[in-house]
Protein backbone atom coordinates (compact mmCIF):
# COMPACT_ATOMS: atom_id res chain seq x y z
CA UNK A 1 194.96 16.11 111.83
CA UNK A 2 192.62 13.43 113.14
CA UNK A 3 189.40 14.64 111.49
CA UNK A 4 190.12 15.91 107.97
CA UNK A 5 186.39 16.00 107.10
CA UNK A 6 185.67 18.23 110.08
CA UNK A 7 188.42 20.63 109.00
CA UNK A 8 187.14 20.62 105.43
CA UNK A 9 183.59 21.31 106.62
CA UNK A 10 184.80 24.14 108.85
CA UNK A 11 186.86 25.64 106.01
CA UNK A 12 183.90 25.45 103.63
CA UNK A 13 181.57 27.07 106.19
CA UNK A 14 184.05 29.92 106.74
CA UNK A 15 184.41 30.45 102.99
CA UNK A 16 180.65 30.62 102.52
CA UNK A 17 180.26 33.03 105.44
CA UNK A 18 183.02 35.17 103.93
CA UNK A 19 181.15 35.33 100.61
CA UNK A 20 177.98 36.47 102.35
CA UNK A 21 179.93 39.14 104.24
CA UNK A 22 181.72 40.25 101.06
CA UNK A 23 178.38 40.57 99.25
CA UNK A 24 176.91 42.57 102.11
CA UNK A 25 179.90 44.94 102.25
CA UNK A 26 179.97 45.35 98.48
CA UNK A 27 176.21 45.96 98.37
CA UNK A 28 176.36 48.37 101.32
CA UNK A 29 178.63 50.70 99.35
CA UNK A 30 176.10 50.96 96.54
CA UNK A 31 173.17 51.23 98.96
CA UNK A 32 175.03 54.12 100.60
CA UNK A 33 175.48 55.79 97.20
CA UNK A 34 171.74 55.34 96.54
CA UNK A 35 170.90 56.97 99.88
CA UNK A 36 173.21 59.90 99.12
CA UNK A 37 171.52 60.27 95.70
CA UNK A 38 168.11 60.32 97.41
CA UNK A 39 169.29 62.89 99.96
CA UNK A 40 170.89 65.10 97.30
CA UNK A 41 168.06 64.62 94.77
CA UNK A 42 170.69 63.40 92.28
CA UNK A 43 168.53 61.71 89.64
CA UNK A 44 171.50 60.42 87.58
CA UNK A 45 173.15 58.73 90.58
CA UNK A 46 169.76 57.44 91.72
CA UNK A 47 169.04 55.91 88.30
CA UNK A 48 172.51 54.29 88.24
CA UNK A 49 171.50 52.23 91.30
CA UNK A 50 167.94 51.36 90.25
CA UNK A 51 166.96 48.65 87.76
CA UNK A 52 163.73 50.15 86.44
CA UNK A 53 162.81 47.24 84.13
CA UNK A 54 163.16 44.80 87.04
CA UNK A 55 161.10 47.03 89.32
CA UNK A 56 158.35 47.45 86.70
CA UNK A 57 158.28 43.67 86.18
CA UNK A 58 157.96 43.03 89.95
CA UNK A 59 155.21 45.65 90.31
CA UNK A 60 153.35 44.16 87.38
CA UNK A 61 153.74 40.62 88.77
CA UNK A 62 152.24 41.75 92.09
CA UNK A 63 149.32 43.39 90.27
CA UNK A 64 148.72 40.22 88.22
CA UNK A 65 148.79 38.12 91.40
CA UNK A 66 146.30 40.46 93.06
CA UNK A 67 143.96 40.43 90.03
CA UNK A 68 143.99 36.62 89.93
CA UNK A 69 143.58 36.28 93.71
CA UNK A 70 140.61 38.65 93.73
CA UNK A 71 138.68 36.06 91.68
CA UNK A 72 136.34 38.69 90.25
CA UNK A 73 135.34 36.63 87.27
CA UNK A 74 136.86 36.30 83.82
CA UNK A 75 135.99 39.74 82.48
CA UNK A 76 137.07 41.81 85.45
CA UNK A 77 140.14 39.67 86.09
CA UNK A 78 141.06 40.12 82.42
CA UNK A 79 140.74 43.90 82.73
CA UNK A 80 142.97 43.79 85.81
CA UNK A 81 145.56 41.74 83.95
CA UNK A 82 145.38 44.05 80.95
CA UNK A 83 145.84 47.15 83.12
CA UNK A 84 148.76 45.70 85.10
CA UNK A 85 151.35 46.84 82.54
CA UNK A 86 150.23 50.47 82.27
CA UNK A 87 149.74 50.73 86.04
CA UNK A 88 153.23 49.32 86.66
CA UNK A 89 154.66 51.88 84.21
CA UNK A 90 152.81 54.71 85.94
CA UNK A 91 154.00 53.50 89.35
CA UNK A 92 157.57 53.51 88.05
CA UNK A 93 157.23 57.08 86.77
CA UNK A 94 155.56 58.38 89.92
CA UNK A 95 157.17 56.46 92.75
CA UNK A 96 160.63 55.34 91.67
CA UNK A 97 162.02 58.83 92.14
CA UNK A 98 164.42 60.36 94.68
CA UNK A 99 161.62 62.63 95.98
CA UNK A 100 159.34 59.67 96.77
CA UNK A 101 162.16 57.85 98.57
CA UNK A 102 162.86 61.01 100.59
CA UNK A 103 159.20 61.11 101.63
CA UNK A 104 159.35 57.43 102.71
CA UNK A 105 162.60 58.08 104.61
CA UNK A 106 160.94 61.03 106.33
CA UNK A 107 158.01 58.79 107.26
CA UNK A 108 160.48 56.44 108.99
CA UNK A 109 162.05 59.35 110.87
CA UNK A 110 165.12 60.00 108.71
CA UNK A 111 165.01 63.75 108.40
CA UNK A 112 166.94 65.90 105.92
CA UNK A 113 170.32 66.77 107.35
CA UNK A 114 170.51 63.58 109.40
CA UNK A 115 173.70 61.63 108.78
CA UNK A 116 173.44 58.72 106.37
CA UNK A 117 174.60 55.44 107.92
CA UNK A 118 178.08 54.38 106.89
CA UNK A 119 178.91 51.37 104.76
CA UNK A 120 179.74 49.10 107.72
CA UNK A 121 176.54 50.07 109.51
CA UNK A 122 174.49 49.45 106.36
CA UNK A 123 176.17 46.07 105.83
CA UNK A 124 174.83 44.92 109.19
CA UNK A 125 171.21 45.46 108.10
CA UNK A 126 171.56 43.72 104.74
CA UNK A 127 170.38 40.13 104.65
CA UNK A 128 172.00 37.85 102.08
CA UNK A 129 169.48 35.83 100.06
CA UNK A 130 170.12 32.32 98.67
CA UNK A 131 170.20 33.60 95.08
CA UNK A 132 173.05 36.07 95.78
CA UNK A 133 170.89 39.15 96.17
CA UNK A 134 170.67 41.11 99.44
CA UNK A 135 167.71 42.75 101.08
CA UNK A 136 166.95 45.41 103.63
CA UNK A 137 164.46 44.53 106.36
CA UNK A 138 162.86 46.84 108.90
CA UNK A 139 163.45 44.33 111.67
CA UNK A 140 165.25 41.05 112.16
CA UNK A 141 163.66 38.30 110.07
CA UNK A 142 161.10 40.71 108.70
CA UNK A 143 160.08 40.88 105.04
CA UNK A 144 162.52 42.21 102.47
CA UNK A 145 161.52 45.82 101.94
CA UNK A 146 164.22 46.63 99.39
CA UNK A 147 166.11 44.00 97.39
CA UNK A 148 169.38 44.62 95.57
CA UNK A 149 171.16 42.51 92.96
CA UNK A 150 174.74 42.70 91.70
CA UNK A 151 174.47 43.72 88.06
CA UNK A 152 177.89 43.86 86.40
CA UNK A 153 179.58 45.05 89.59
CA UNK A 154 176.93 47.57 90.67
CA UNK A 155 174.33 46.66 93.27
CA UNK A 156 171.02 47.94 91.97
CA UNK A 157 167.56 48.08 93.47
CA UNK A 158 165.51 45.32 91.81
CA UNK A 159 162.48 44.95 94.08
CA UNK A 160 160.48 47.01 96.55
CA UNK A 161 157.82 45.73 98.90
CA UNK A 162 156.20 49.11 99.44
CA UNK A 163 153.11 47.56 101.00
CA UNK A 164 155.12 45.94 103.81
CA UNK A 165 157.18 49.09 104.27
CA UNK A 166 154.21 51.43 104.58
CA UNK A 167 151.64 49.21 106.28
CA UNK A 168 154.23 47.52 108.52
CA UNK A 169 155.34 50.92 109.81
CA UNK A 170 151.74 51.95 110.40
CA UNK A 171 151.07 48.78 112.42
CA UNK A 172 154.26 49.27 114.45
CA UNK A 173 153.15 52.80 115.44
CA UNK A 174 149.79 51.61 116.85
């Protein structure tokens, strides 16, 4: 063994790649279960794979960012900040439901009765993130549309970029 550092570097790179693959395969199983829950309108299974507090917090953070970026002046910005919590709660109640996800899937061409991709197929479209989470993108190197985190052995949906999902699809169709 002439180059022990090279072997050590190669071994470390393989181990890290294996972790990313393991995370993607593990996550793909739970993503598959979420898709089945959406298809079957199984609210209990859907809720088991969705972290509602995390989703509400991300929605609220986006609303706060938008209110601050709009630079409407202290009073109107303050109203926007104050309303961000109730609006995030309403968005959770209205949109984080199997029926809404079915409508989005239909928009992307996944019709009822169409086969749900298998775990291996799903694993290939999951992108590992540096913090250990994985995300689903519509295209290679595109924005994360859905982000999942491992929470006590269950991969749960923790973030949705609905704006990119909906407006990105609309731009692609033009």
